[in-house]
């Protein structure tokens, strides 16, 4: 399996709405998000077109997608920390095309403050 460059974060960012084991939600802060907008270069688009001609994975676009999601997650974490959160619950990704060859990638979730007791 190829390394997608996924990073670790300084706070838990979970796809579930349950806090980490042994922790409880002290306070719900609210929505938090990280957004990036990426475009494919002309060279990258041409190379991807060549890979599509032969079939199989389009590795240049896979790398672009992984880099974009990592950037959106990093920005989500920074936004949550700026809000005073120490965890993000219910994290999701969304994306959409803004214009030809340009995509917006959003990582979003609920910023919360955790306590240590049950």
PDB file of N, CA and C in Angstrom:
ATOM      1  N   UNK A   1       0.851  -1.187   0.000  1.00  0.00           N
ATOM      2  CA  UNK A   1       0.000   0.000   0.000  1.00  0.00           C
ATOM      3  C   UNK A   1       0.892   1.244   0.000  1.00  0.00           C
ATOM      4  N   UNK A   2       0.679   2.214  -0.906  1.00  0.00           N
ATOM      5  CA  UNK A   2       1.540   3.383  -0.959  1.00  0.00           C
ATOM      6  C   UNK A   2       1.300   4.295   0.227  1.00  0.00           C
ATOM      7  N   UNK A   3       2.343   5.006   0.625  1.00  0.00           N
ATOM      8  CA  UNK A   3       2.229   5.968   1.706  1.00  0.00           C
ATOM      9  C   UNK A   3       1.535   7.204   1.155  1.00  0.00           C
ATOM     10  N   UNK A   4       0.400   7.578   1.727  1.00  0.00           N
ATOM     11  CA  UNK A   4      -0.323   8.742   1.226  1.00  0.00           C
ATOM     12  C   UNK A   4       0.120  10.028   1.909  1.00  0.00           C
ATOM     13  N   UNK A   5       1.157   9.967   2.726  1.00  0.00           N
ATOM     14  CA  UNK A   5       1.669  11.157   3.378  1.00  0.00           C
ATOM     15  C   UNK A   5       0.802  11.654   4.510  1.00  0.00           C
ATOM     16  N   UNK A   6      -0.097  10.812   5.033  1.00  0.00           N
ATOM     17  CA  UNK A   6      -0.972  11.234   6.128  1.00  0.00           C
ATOM     18  C   UNK A   6      -0.131  11.639   7.330  1.00  0.00           C
ATOM     19  N   UNK A   7      -0.554  12.713   7.970  1.00  0.00           N
ATOM     20  CA  UNK A   7       0.190  13.248   9.103  1.00  0.00           C
ATOM     21  C   UNK A   7      -0.531  12.926  10.409  1.00  0.00           C
ATOM     22  N   UNK A   8       0.203  13.029  11.493  1.00  0.00           N
ATOM     23  CA  UNK A   8      -0.434  12.947  12.805  1.00  0.00           C
ATOM     24  C   UNK A   8      -0.731  14.375  13.253  1.00  0.00           C
ATOM     25  N   UNK A   9      -1.693  14.522  14.125  1.00  0.00           N
ATOM     26  CA  UNK A   9      -2.113  15.840  14.586  1.00  0.00           C
ATOM     27  C   UNK A   9      -1.926  15.947  16.092  1.00  0.00           C
ATOM     28  N   UNK A  10      -1.877  17.185  16.578  1.00  0.00           N
ATOM     29  CA  UNK A  10      -1.636  17.404  18.006  1.00  0.00           C
ATOM     30  C   UNK A  10      -2.896  17.212  18.842  1.00  0.00           C
ATOM     31  N   UNK A  11      -4.061  17.205  18.203  1.00  0.00           N
ATOM     32  CA  UNK A  11      -5.316  16.933  18.906  1.00  0.00           C
ATOM     33  C   UNK A  11      -6.029  15.790  18.189  1.00  0.00           C
ATOM     34  N   UNK A  12      -6.896  15.054  18.894  1.00  0.00           N
ATOM     35  CA  UNK A  12      -7.665  14.009  18.212  1.00  0.00           C
ATOM     36  C   UNK A  12      -8.628  14.620  17.190  1.00  0.00           C
ATOM     37  N   UNK A  13      -8.625  14.064  16.002  1.00  0.00           N
ATOM     38  CA  UNK A  13      -9.586  14.422  14.961  1.00  0.00           C
ATOM     39  C   UNK A  13     -10.259  13.114  14.566  1.00  0.00           C
ATOM     40  N   UNK A  14     -11.517  12.961  15.005  1.00  0.00           N
ATOM     41  CA  UNK A  14     -12.210  11.680  14.889  1.00  0.00           C
ATOM     42  C   UNK A  14     -13.396  11.781  13.943  1.00  0.00           C
ATOM     43  N   UNK A  15     -13.670  10.697  13.245  1.00  0.00           N
ATOM     44  CA  UNK A  15     -14.835  10.668  12.360  1.00  0.00           C
ATOM     45  C   UNK A  15     -16.103  10.299  13.120  1.00  0.00           C
ATOM     46  N   UNK A  16     -15.966   9.820  14.328  1.00  0.00           N
ATOM     47  CA  UNK A  16     -17.125   9.478  15.156  1.00  0.00           C
ATOM     48  C   UNK A  16     -17.527  10.689  15.995  1.00  0.00           C
ATOM     49  N   UNK A  17     -18.683  10.587  16.637  1.00  0.00           N
ATOM     50  CA  UNK A  17     -19.123  11.648  17.536  1.00  0.00           C
ATOM     51  C   UNK A  17     -18.873  11.280  18.996  1.00  0.00           C
ATOM     52  N   UNK A  18     -18.175  10.195  19.215  1.00  0.00           N
ATOM     53  CA  UNK A  18     -17.822   9.777  20.564  1.00  0.00           C
ATOM     54  C   UNK A  18     -16.453  10.356  20.939  1.00  0.00           C
ATOM     55  N   UNK A  19     -16.308  10.871  22.163  1.00  0.00           N
ATOM     56  CA  UNK A  19     -14.993  11.359  22.572  1.00  0.00           C
ATOM     57  C   UNK A  19     -14.014  10.188  22.723  1.00  0.00           C
ATOM     58  N   UNK A  20     -12.724  10.477  22.764  1.00  0.00           N
ATOM     59  CA  UNK A  20     -11.744   9.398  22.964  1.00  0.00           C
ATOM     60  C   UNK A  20     -12.011   8.658  24.274  1.00  0.00           C
ATOM     61  N   UNK A  21     -11.611   7.394  24.376  1.00  0.00           N
ATOM     62  CA  UNK A  21     -11.816   6.612  25.601  1.00  0.00           C
ATOM     63  C   UNK A  21     -11.264   7.325  26.839  1.00  0.00           C
ATOM     64  N   UNK A  22     -12.061   7.310  27.907  1.00  0.00           N
ATOM     65  CA  UNK A  22     -11.647   7.925  29.164  1.00  0.00           C
ATOM     66  C   UNK A  22     -11.866   9.425  29.225  1.00  0.00           C
ATOM     67  N   UNK A  23     -12.428  10.009  28.178  1.00  0.00           N
ATOM     68  CA  UNK A  23     -12.663  11.453  28.141  1.00  0.00           C
ATOM     69  C   UNK A  23     -14.157  11.710  27.956  1.00  0.00           C
ATOM     70  N   UNK A  24     -14.608  12.865  28.367  1.00  0.00           N
ATOM     71  CA  UNK A  24     -15.987  13.283  28.138  1.00  0.00           C
ATOM     72  C   UNK A  24     -15.974  14.676  27.519  1.00  0.00           C
ATOM     73  N   UNK A  25     -17.078  15.031  26.913  1.00  0.00           N
ATOM     74  CA  UNK A  25     -17.189  16.354  26.310  1.00  0.00           C
ATOM     75  C   UNK A  25     -17.573  17.340  27.402  1.00  0.00           C
ATOM     76  N   UNK A  26     -16.719  18.297  27.637  1.00  0.00           N
ATOM     77  CA  UNK A  26     -16.984  19.351  28.617  1.00  0.00           C
ATOM     78  C   UNK A  26     -17.846  20.442  27.990  1.00  0.00           C
ATOM     79  N   UNK A  27     -17.519  20.779  26.731  1.00  0.00           N
ATOM     80  CA  UNK A  27     -18.224  21.882  26.067  1.00  0.00           C
ATOM     81  C   UNK A  27     -18.125  21.716  24.557  1.00  0.00           C
ATOM     82  N   UNK A  28     -19.232  21.899  23.871  1.00  0.00           N
ATOM     83  CA  UNK A  28     -19.234  21.933  22.406  1.00  0.00           C
ATOM     84  C   UNK A  28     -18.952  23.374  21.994  1.00  0.00           C
ATOM     85  N   UNK A  29     -17.891  23.556  21.237  1.00  0.00           N
ATOM     86  CA  UNK A  29     -17.519  24.904  20.798  1.00  0.00           C
ATOM     87  C   UNK A  29     -18.262  25.275  19.524  1.00  0.00           C
ATOM     88  N   UNK A  30     -18.309  24.352  18.560  1.00  0.00           N
ATOM     89  CA  UNK A  30     -19.050  24.613  17.335  1.00  0.00           C
ATOM     90  C   UNK A  30     -18.309  24.135  16.105  1.00  0.00           C
ATOM     91  N   UNK A  31     -18.782  24.543  14.941  1.00  0.00           N
ATOM     92  CA  UNK A  31     -18.182  24.075  13.696  1.00  0.00           C
ATOM     93  C   UNK A  31     -16.738  24.552  13.540  1.00  0.00           C
ATOM     94  N   UNK A  32     -15.949  23.691  12.950  1.00  0.00           N
ATOM     95  CA  UNK A  32     -14.564  24.021  12.624  1.00  0.00           C
ATOM     96  C   UNK A  32     -14.292  23.467  11.238  1.00  0.00           C
ATOM     97  N   UNK A  33     -13.446  24.135  10.486  1.00  0.00           N
ATOM     98  CA  UNK A  33     -13.188  23.684   9.120  1.00  0.00           C
ATOM     99  C   UNK A  33     -11.804  24.092   8.655  1.00  0.00           C
ATOM    100  N   UNK A  34     -11.373  23.441   7.610  1.00  0.00           N
ATOM    101  CA  UNK A  34     -10.141  23.780   6.906  1.00  0.00           C
ATOM    102  C   UNK A  34     -10.414  23.638   5.420  1.00  0.00           C
ATOM    103  N   UNK A  35     -10.057  24.651   4.660  1.00  0.00           N
ATOM    104  CA  UNK A  35     -10.353  24.673   3.231  1.00  0.00           C
ATOM    105  C   UNK A  35      -9.072  24.882   2.439  1.00  0.00           C
ATOM    106  N   UNK A  36      -8.964  24.185   1.333  1.00  0.00           N
ATOM    107  CA  UNK A  36      -7.906  24.452   0.369  1.00  0.00           C
ATOM    108  C   UNK A  36      -8.506  24.370  -1.026  1.00  0.00           C
ATOM    109  N   UNK A  37      -7.976  25.156  -1.923  1.00  0.00           N
ATOM    110  CA  UNK A  37      -8.389  25.124  -3.322  1.00  0.00           C
ATOM    111  C   UNK A  37      -7.152  24.787  -4.133  1.00  0.00           C
ATOM    112  N   UNK A  38      -7.257  23.753  -4.927  1.00  0.00           N
ATOM    113  CA  UNK A  38      -6.117  23.275  -5.706  1.00  0.00           C
ATOM    114  C   UNK A  38      -6.469  23.231  -7.184  1.00  0.00           C
ATOM    115  N   UNK A  39      -5.450  23.460  -7.996  1.00  0.00           N
ATOM    116  CA  UNK A  39      -5.624  23.303  -9.444  1.00  0.00           C
ATOM    117  C   UNK A  39      -4.536  22.374  -9.960  1.00  0.00           C
ATOM    118  N   UNK A  40      -4.842  21.718 -11.043  1.00  0.00           N
ATOM    119  CA  UNK A  40      -3.864  20.855 -11.692  1.00  0.00           C
ATOM    120  C   UNK A  40      -3.100  21.694 -12.695  1.00  0.00           C
ATOM    121  N   UNK A  41      -1.794  21.521 -12.733  1.00  0.00           N
ATOM    122  CA  UNK A  41      -0.988  22.249 -13.708  1.00  0.00           C
ATOM    123  C   UNK A  41      -1.229  21.680 -15.103  1.00  0.00           C
ATOM    124  N   UNK A  42      -0.864  22.437 -16.105  1.00  0.00           N
ATOM    125  CA  UNK A  42      -1.007  21.976 -17.489  1.00  0.00           C
ATOM    126  C   UNK A  42      -0.165  20.721 -17.703  1.00  0.00           C
ATOM    127  N   UNK A  43       1.065  20.717 -17.165  1.00  0.00           N
ATOM    128  CA  UNK A  43       1.941  19.546 -17.307  1.00  0.00           C
ATOM    129  C   UNK A  43       1.337  18.351 -16.582  1.00  0.00           C
ATOM    130  N   UNK A  44       0.849  18.580 -15.357  1.00  0.00           N
ATOM    131  CA  UNK A  44       0.237  17.496 -14.585  1.00  0.00           C
ATOM    132  C   UNK A  44      -0.988  16.927 -15.267  1.00  0.00           C
ATOM    133  N   UNK A  45      -1.788  17.800 -15.847  1.00  0.00           N
ATOM    134  CA  UNK A  45      -2.983  17.344 -16.556  1.00  0.00           C
ATOM    135  C   UNK A  45      -2.597  16.510 -17.773  1.00  0.00           C
ATOM    136  N   UNK A  46      -1.565  16.951 -18.501  1.00  0.00           N
ATOM    137  CA  UNK A  46      -1.101  16.200 -19.675  1.00  0.00           C
ATOM    138  C   UNK A  46      -0.560  14.837 -19.272  1.00  0.00           C
ATOM    139  N   UNK A  47       0.240  14.794 -18.194  1.00  0.00           N
ATOM    140  CA  UNK A  47       0.793  13.512 -17.723  1.00  0.00           C
ATOM    141  C   UNK A  47      -0.319  12.583 -17.242  1.00  0.00           C
ATOM    142  N   UNK A  48      -1.304  13.146 -16.537  1.00  0.00           N
ATOM    143  CA  UNK A  48      -2.429  12.343 -16.069  1.00  0.00           C
ATOM    144  C   UNK A  48      -3.201  11.787 -17.258  1.00  0.00           C
ATOM    145  N   UNK A  49      -3.337  12.596 -18.306  1.00  0.00           N
ATOM    146  CA  UNK A  49      -4.005  12.127 -19.517  1.00  0.00           C
ATOM    147  C   UNK A  49      -3.285  10.949 -20.137  1.00  0.00           C
ATOM    148  N   UNK A  50      -1.943  10.980 -20.115  1.00  0.00           N
ATOM    149  CA  UNK A  50      -1.160   9.849 -20.637  1.00  0.00           C
ATOM    150  C   UNK A  50      -1.414   8.594 -19.802  1.00  0.00           C
ATOM    151  N   UNK A  51      -1.441   8.736 -18.462  1.00  0.00           N
ATOM    152  CA  UNK A  51      -1.688   7.590 -17.598  1.00  0.00           C
ATOM    153  C   UNK A  51      -3.091   7.040 -17.833  1.00  0.00           C
ATOM    154  N   UNK A  52      -4.066   7.908 -18.067  1.00  0.00           N
ATOM    155  CA  UNK A  52      -5.438   7.449 -18.303  1.00  0.00           C
ATOM    156  C   UNK A  52      -5.534   6.679 -19.617  1.00  0.00           C
ATOM    157  N   UNK A  53      -4.703   7.033 -20.584  1.00  0.00           N
ATOM    158  CA  UNK A  53      -4.698   6.348 -21.878  1.00  0.00           C
ATOM    159  C   UNK A  53      -4.354   4.871 -21.704  1.00  0.00           C
ATOM    160  N   UNK A  54      -3.419   4.576 -20.789  1.00  0.00           N
ATOM    161  CA  UNK A  54      -2.980   3.197 -20.576  1.00  0.00           C
ATOM    162  C   UNK A  54      -3.776   2.483 -19.490  1.00  0.00           C
ATOM    163  N   UNK A  55      -4.598   3.196 -18.748  1.00  0.00           N
ATOM    164  CA  UNK A  55      -5.409   2.590 -17.693  1.00  0.00           C
ATOM    165  C   UNK A  55      -4.649   2.494 -16.388  1.00  0.00           C
ATOM    166  N   UNK A  56      -5.348   2.126 -15.340  1.00  0.00           N
ATOM    167  CA  UNK A  56      -4.746   1.984 -14.016  1.00  0.00           C
ATOM    168  C   UNK A  56      -4.839   3.275 -13.220  1.00  0.00           C
ATOM    169  N   UNK A  57      -4.140   3.284 -12.112  1.00  0.00           N
ATOM    170  CA  UNK A  57      -4.162   4.437 -11.214  1.00  0.00           C
ATOM    171  C   UNK A  57      -3.485   5.639 -11.861  1.00  0.00           C
ATOM    172  N   UNK A  58      -4.059   6.798 -11.651  1.00  0.00           N
ATOM    173  CA  UNK A  58      -3.470   8.046 -12.125  1.00  0.00           C
ATOM    174  C   UNK A  58      -2.720   8.631 -10.933  1.00  0.00           C
ATOM    175  N   UNK A  59      -1.466   8.224 -10.783  1.00  0.00           N
ATOM    176  CA  UNK A  59      -0.694   8.504  -9.564  1.00  0.00           C
ATOM    177  C   UNK A  59      -0.513   9.992  -9.292  1.00  0.00           C
ATOM    178  N   UNK A  60      -0.389  10.812 -10.320  1.00  0.00           N
ATOM    179  CA  UNK A  60      -0.225  12.253 -10.095  1.00  0.00           C
ATOM    180  C   UNK A  60      -1.471  12.840  -9.431  1.00  0.00           C
ATOM    181  N   UNK A  61      -2.641  12.366  -9.851  1.00  0.00           N
ATOM    182  CA  UNK A  61      -3.876  12.877  -9.258  1.00  0.00           C
ATOM    183  C   UNK A  61      -4.110  12.294  -7.870  1.00  0.00           C
ATOM    184  N   UNK A  62      -3.648  11.056  -7.646  1.00  0.00           N
ATOM    185  CA  UNK A  62      -3.738  10.465  -6.312  1.00  0.00           C
ATOM    186  C   UNK A  62      -2.913  11.289  -5.326  1.00  0.00           C
ATOM    187  N   UNK A  63      -1.706  11.672  -5.729  1.00  0.00           N
ATOM    188  CA  UNK A  63      -0.841  12.484  -4.866  1.00  0.00           C
ATOM    189  C   UNK A  63      -1.470  13.854  -4.619  1.00  0.00           C
ATOM    190  N   UNK A  64      -2.020  14.469  -5.670  1.00  0.00           N
ATOM    191  CA  UNK A  64      -2.676  15.762  -5.519  1.00  0.00           C
ATOM    192  C   UNK A  64      -3.840  15.664  -4.530  1.00  0.00           C
ATOM    193  N   UNK A  65      -4.643  14.602  -4.635  1.00  0.00           N
ATOM    194  CA  UNK A  65      -5.785  14.416  -3.732  1.00  0.00           C
ATOM    195  C   UNK A  65      -5.312  14.234  -2.286  1.00  0.00           C
ATOM    196  N   UNK A  66      -4.280  13.412  -2.077  1.00  0.00           N
ATOM    197  CA  UNK A  66      -3.762  13.183  -0.721  1.00  0.00           C
ATOM    198  C   UNK A  66      -3.177  14.468  -0.140  1.00  0.00           C
ATOM    199  N   UNK A  67      -2.399  15.190  -0.926  1.00  0.00           N
ATOM    200  CA  UNK A  67      -1.822  16.456  -0.451  1.00  0.00           C
ATOM    201  C   UNK A  67      -2.917  17.460  -0.103  1.00  0.00           C
ATOM    202  N   UNK A  68      -3.959  17.507  -0.920  1.00  0.00           N
ATOM    203  CA  UNK A  68      -5.062  18.447  -0.678  1.00  0.00           C
ATOM    204  C   UNK A  68      -5.802  18.107   0.608  1.00  0.00           C
ATOM    205  N   UNK A  69      -6.079  16.834   0.820  1.00  0.00           N
ATOM    206  CA  UNK A  69      -6.775  16.427   2.056  1.00  0.00           C
ATOM    207  C   UNK A  69      -5.921  16.693   3.289  1.00  0.00           C
ATOM    208  N   UNK A  70      -4.613  16.434   3.182  1.00  0.00           N
ATOM    209  CA  UNK A  70      -3.720  16.715   4.314  1.00  0.00           C
ATOM    210  C   UNK A  70      -3.706  18.208   4.636  1.00  0.00           C
ATOM    211  N   UNK A  71      -3.656  19.050   3.629  1.00  0.00           N
ATOM    212  CA  UNK A  71      -3.672  20.499   3.858  1.00  0.00           C
ATOM    213  C   UNK A  71      -4.987  20.929   4.504  1.00  0.00           C
ATOM    214  N   UNK A  72      -6.108  20.412   4.024  1.00  0.00           N
ATOM    215  CA  UNK A  72      -7.402  20.747   4.616  1.00  0.00           C
ATOM    216  C   UNK A  72      -7.467  20.287   6.074  1.00  0.00           C
ATOM    217  N   UNK A  73      -6.940  19.094   6.377  1.00  0.00           N
ATOM    218  CA  UNK A  73      -6.928  18.588   7.768  1.00  0.00           C
ATOM    219  C   UNK A  73      -6.039  19.455   8.653  1.00  0.00           C
ATOM    220  N   UNK A  74      -4.865  19.855   8.149  1.00  0.00           N
ATOM    221  CA  UNK A  74      -3.983  20.735   8.928  1.00  0.00           C
ATOM    222  C   UNK A  74      -4.678  22.045   9.254  1.00  0.00           C
ATOM    223  N   UNK A  75      -5.404  22.592   8.288  1.00  0.00           N
ATOM    224  CA  UNK A  75      -6.123  23.845   8.509  1.00  0.00           C
ATOM    225  C   UNK A  75      -7.305  23.653   9.446  1.00  0.00           C
ATOM    226  N   UNK A  76      -7.968  22.505   9.378  1.00  0.00           N
ATOM    227  CA  UNK A  76      -9.036  22.176  10.331  1.00  0.00           C
ATOM    228  C   UNK A  76      -8.467  22.169  11.751  1.00  0.00           C
ATOM    229  N   UNK A  77      -7.348  21.506  11.934  1.00  0.00           N
ATOM    230  CA  UNK A  77      -6.729  21.455  13.257  1.00  0.00           C
ATOM    231  C   UNK A  77      -6.379  22.858  13.757  1.00  0.00           C
ATOM    232  N   UNK A  78      -5.764  23.676  12.914  1.00  0.00           N
ATOM    233  CA  UNK A  78      -5.403  25.038  13.321  1.00  0.00           C
ATOM    234  C   UNK A  78      -6.644  25.845  13.713  1.00  0.00           C
ATOM    235  N   UNK A  79      -7.718  25.722  12.922  1.00  0.00           N
ATOM    236  CA  UNK A  79      -8.943  26.463  13.233  1.00  0.00           C
ATOM    237  C   UNK A  79      -9.523  26.011  14.568  1.00  0.00           C
ATOM    238  N   UNK A  80      -9.564  24.692  14.793  1.00  0.00           N
ATOM    239  CA  UNK A  80     -10.095  24.166  16.060  1.00  0.00           C
ATOM    240  C   UNK A  80      -9.278  24.683  17.243  1.00  0.00           C
ATOM    241  N   UNK A  81      -7.961  24.660  17.121  1.00  0.00           N
ATOM    242  CA  UNK A  81      -7.101  25.156  18.203  1.00  0.00           C
ATOM    243  C   UNK A  81      -7.327  26.647  18.443  1.00  0.00           C
ATOM    244  N   UNK A  82      -7.489  27.423  17.370  1.00  0.00           N
ATOM    245  CA  UNK A  82      -7.775  28.862  17.513  1.00  0.00           C
ATOM    246  C   UNK A  82      -9.085  29.097  18.255  1.00  0.00           C
ATOM    247  N   UNK A  83     -10.048  28.193  18.088  1.00  0.00           N
ATOM    248  CA  UNK A  83     -11.336  28.304  18.779  1.00  0.00           C
ATOM    249  C   UNK A  83     -11.254  27.855  20.239  1.00  0.00           C
ATOM    250  N   UNK A  84     -10.124  27.255  20.641  1.00  0.00           N
ATOM    251  CA  UNK A  84      -9.960  26.768  22.010  1.00  0.00           C
ATOM    252  C   UNK A  84     -10.314  25.304  22.184  1.00  0.00           C
ATOM    253  N   UNK A  85     -10.463  24.576  21.089  1.00  0.00           N
ATOM    254  CA  UNK A  85     -10.825  23.152  21.152  1.00  0.00           C
ATOM    255  C   UNK A  85      -9.587  22.299  21.412  1.00  0.00           C
ATOM    256  N   UNK A  86      -9.835  21.117  21.950  1.00  0.00           N
ATOM    257  CA  UNK A  86      -8.753  20.134  22.074  1.00  0.00           C
ATOM    258  C   UNK A  86      -9.128  18.806  21.422  1.00  0.00           C
ATOM    259  N   UNK A  87     -10.204  18.846  20.583  1.00  0.00           N
ATOM    260  CA  UNK A  87     -10.628  17.665  19.845  1.00  0.00           C
ATOM    261  C   UNK A  87     -11.624  18.102  18.771  1.00  0.00           C
ATOM    262  N   UNK A  88     -11.644  17.360  17.672  1.00  0.00           N
ATOM    263  CA  UNK A  88     -12.662  17.563  16.632  1.00  0.00           C
ATOM    264  C   UNK A  88     -13.393  16.240  16.455  1.00  0.00           C
ATOM    265  N   UNK A  89     -14.728  16.298  16.562  1.00  0.00           N
ATOM    266  CA  UNK A  89     -15.554  15.107  16.396  1.00  0.00           C
ATOM    267  C   UNK A  89     -16.357  15.200  15.104  1.00  0.00           C
ATOM    268  N   UNK A  90     -16.720  14.050  14.553  1.00  0.00           N
ATOM    269  CA  UNK A  90     -17.554  14.003  13.360  1.00  0.00           C
ATOM    270  C   UNK A  90     -16.883  14.582  12.128  1.00  0.00           C
ATOM    271  N   UNK A  91     -15.565  14.426  12.020  1.00  0.00           N
ATOM    272  CA  UNK A  91     -14.828  14.984  10.894  1.00  0.00           C
ATOM    273  C   UNK A  91     -15.265  14.352   9.580  1.00  0.00           C
ATOM    274  N   UNK A  92     -15.444  15.187   8.578  1.00  0.00           N
ATOM    275  CA  UNK A  92     -15.810  14.752   7.237  1.00  0.00           C
ATOM    276  C   UNK A  92     -15.020  15.557   6.219  1.00  0.00           C
ATOM    277  N   UNK A  93     -14.972  15.018   4.997  1.00  0.00           N
ATOM    278  CA  UNK A  93     -14.413  15.743   3.855  1.00  0.00           C
ATOM    279  C   UNK A  93     -15.541  16.045   2.888  1.00  0.00           C
ATOM    280  N   UNK A  94     -15.400  17.137   2.177  1.00  0.00           N
ATOM    281  CA  UNK A  94     -16.283  17.449   1.066  1.00  0.00           C
ATOM    282  C   UNK A  94     -15.420  18.119   0.005  1.00  0.00           C
ATOM    283  N   UNK A  95     -15.844  18.029  -1.219  1.00  0.00           N
ATOM    284  CA  UNK A  95     -15.095  18.684  -2.288  1.00  0.00           C
ATOM    285  C   UNK A  95     -16.042  19.045  -3.414  1.00  0.00           C
ATOM    286  N   UNK A  96     -15.612  19.987  -4.199  1.00  0.00           N
ATOM    287  CA  UNK A  96     -16.395  20.394  -5.347  1.00  0.00           C
ATOM    288  C   UNK A  96     -15.524  21.146  -6.331  1.00  0.00           C
ATOM    289  N   UNK A  97     -15.955  21.155  -7.560  1.00  0.00           N
ATOM    290  CA  UNK A  97     -15.214  21.869  -8.589  1.00  0.00           C
ATOM    291  C   UNK A  97     -15.664  23.319  -8.591  1.00  0.00           C
ATOM    292  N   UNK A  98     -14.708  24.240  -8.481  1.00  0.00           N
ATOM    293  CA  UNK A  98     -15.046  25.666  -8.503  1.00  0.00           C
ATOM    294  C   UNK A  98     -15.055  26.204  -9.936  1.00  0.00           C
ATOM    295  N   UNK A  99     -14.080  25.766 -10.710  1.00  0.00           N
ATOM    296  CA  UNK A  99     -13.999  26.069 -12.124  1.00  0.00           C
ATOM    297  C   UNK A  99     -13.185  24.959 -12.764  1.00  0.00           C
ATOM    298  N   UNK A 100     -13.068  24.951 -14.056  1.00  0.00           N
ATOM    299  CA  UNK A 100     -12.385  23.846 -14.724  1.00  0.00           C
ATOM    300  C   UNK A 100     -10.985  23.642 -14.153  1.00  0.00           C
ATOM    301  N   UNK A 101     -10.681  22.398 -13.793  1.00  0.00           N
ATOM    302  CA  UNK A 101      -9.374  21.992 -13.242  1.00  0.00           C
ATOM    303  C   UNK A 101      -9.069  22.613 -11.885  1.00  0.00           C
ATOM    304  N   UNK A 102     -10.073  23.116 -11.179  1.00  0.00           N
ATOM    305  CA  UNK A 102      -9.867  23.702  -9.850  1.00  0.00           C
ATOM    306  C   UNK A 102     -10.877  23.099  -8.888  1.00  0.00           C
ATOM    307  N   UNK A 103     -10.373  22.528  -7.793  1.00  0.00           N
ATOM    308  CA  UNK A 103     -11.244  21.892  -6.803  1.00  0.00           C
ATOM    309  C   UNK A 103     -11.039  22.506  -5.429  1.00  0.00           C
ATOM    310  N   UNK A 104     -12.159  22.591  -4.702  1.00  0.00           N
ATOM    311  CA  UNK A 104     -12.158  23.015  -3.306  1.00  0.00           C
ATOM    312  C   UNK A 104     -12.283  21.750  -2.465  1.00  0.00           C
ATOM    313  N   UNK A 105     -11.409  21.610  -1.472  1.00  0.00           N
ATOM    314  CA  UNK A 105     -11.465  20.471  -0.557  1.00  0.00           C
ATOM    315  C   UNK A 105     -11.665  21.042   0.847  1.00  0.00           C
ATOM    316  N   UNK A 106     -12.672  20.540   1.556  1.00  0.00           N
ATOM    317  CA  UNK A 106     -12.994  21.021   2.899  1.00  0.00           C
ATOM    318  C   UNK A 106     -12.953  19.847   3.873  1.00  0.00           C
ATOM    319  N   UNK A 107     -12.254  20.025   4.973  1.00  0.00           N
ATOM    320  CA  UNK A 107     -12.316  19.104   6.110  1.00  0.00           C
ATOM    321  C   UNK A 107     -13.087  19.863   7.189  1.00  0.00           C
ATOM    322  N   UNK A 108     -14.129  19.246   7.738  1.00  0.00           N
ATOM    323  CA  UNK A 108     -14.924  19.955   8.736  1.00  0.00           C
ATOM    324  C   UNK A 108     -15.395  19.000   9.824  1.00  0.00           C
ATOM    325  N   UNK A 109     -15.709  19.559  10.968  1.00  0.00           N
ATOM    326  CA  UNK A 109     -16.195  18.771  12.084  1.00  0.00           C
ATOM    327  C   UNK A 109     -16.644  19.675  13.204  1.00  0.00           C
ATOM    328  N   UNK A 110     -16.921  19.075  14.348  1.00  0.00           N
ATOM    329  CA  UNK A 110     -17.377  19.811  15.523  1.00  0.00           C
ATOM    330  C   UNK A 110     -16.225  19.944  16.514  1.00  0.00           C
ATOM    331  N   UNK A 111     -15.840  21.169  16.785  1.00  0.00           N
ATOM    332  CA  UNK A 111     -14.783  21.457  17.747  1.00  0.00           C
ATOM    333  C   UNK A 111     -15.354  21.335  19.159  1.00  0.00           C
ATOM    334  N   UNK A 112     -14.650  20.598  20.016  1.00  0.00           N
ATOM    335  CA  UNK A 112     -15.099  20.420  21.398  1.00  0.00           C
ATOM    336  C   UNK A 112     -13.945  20.597  22.366  1.00  0.00           C
ATOM    337  N   UNK A 113     -14.301  20.852  23.603  1.00  0.00           N
ATOM    338  CA  UNK A 113     -13.354  20.882  24.719  1.00  0.00           C
ATOM    339  C   UNK A 113     -13.652  19.641  25.540  1.00  0.00           C
ATOM    340  N   UNK A 114     -12.607  18.870  25.823  1.00  0.00           N
ATOM    341  CA  UNK A 114     -12.775  17.620  26.569  1.00  0.00           C
ATOM    342  C   UNK A 114     -12.424  17.799  28.035  1.00  0.00           C
ATOM    343  N   UNK A 115     -13.035  16.961  28.882  1.00  0.00           N
ATOM    344  CA  UNK A 115     -12.625  16.867  30.287  1.00  0.00           C
ATOM    345  C   UNK A 115     -12.072  15.468  30.492  1.00  0.00           C
ATOM    346  N   UNK A 116     -11.412  15.240  31.599  1.00  0.00           N
ATOM    347  CA  UNK A 116     -10.750  13.958  31.832  1.00  0.00           C
ATOM    348  C   UNK A 116     -11.617  12.911  32.520  1.00  0.00           C
ATOM    349  N   UNK A 117     -12.703  13.311  33.119  1.00  0.00           N
ATOM    350  CA  UNK A 117     -13.517  12.353  33.864  1.00  0.00           C
ATOM    351  C   UNK A 117     -14.690  11.815  33.049  1.00  0.00           C
ATOM    352  N   UNK A 118     -15.405  10.830  33.594  1.00  0.00           N
ATOM    353  CA  UNK A 118     -16.579  10.280  32.902  1.00  0.00           C
ATOM    354  C   UNK A 118     -17.770  11.211  32.888  1.00  0.00           C
TER     355      UNK A 118
END
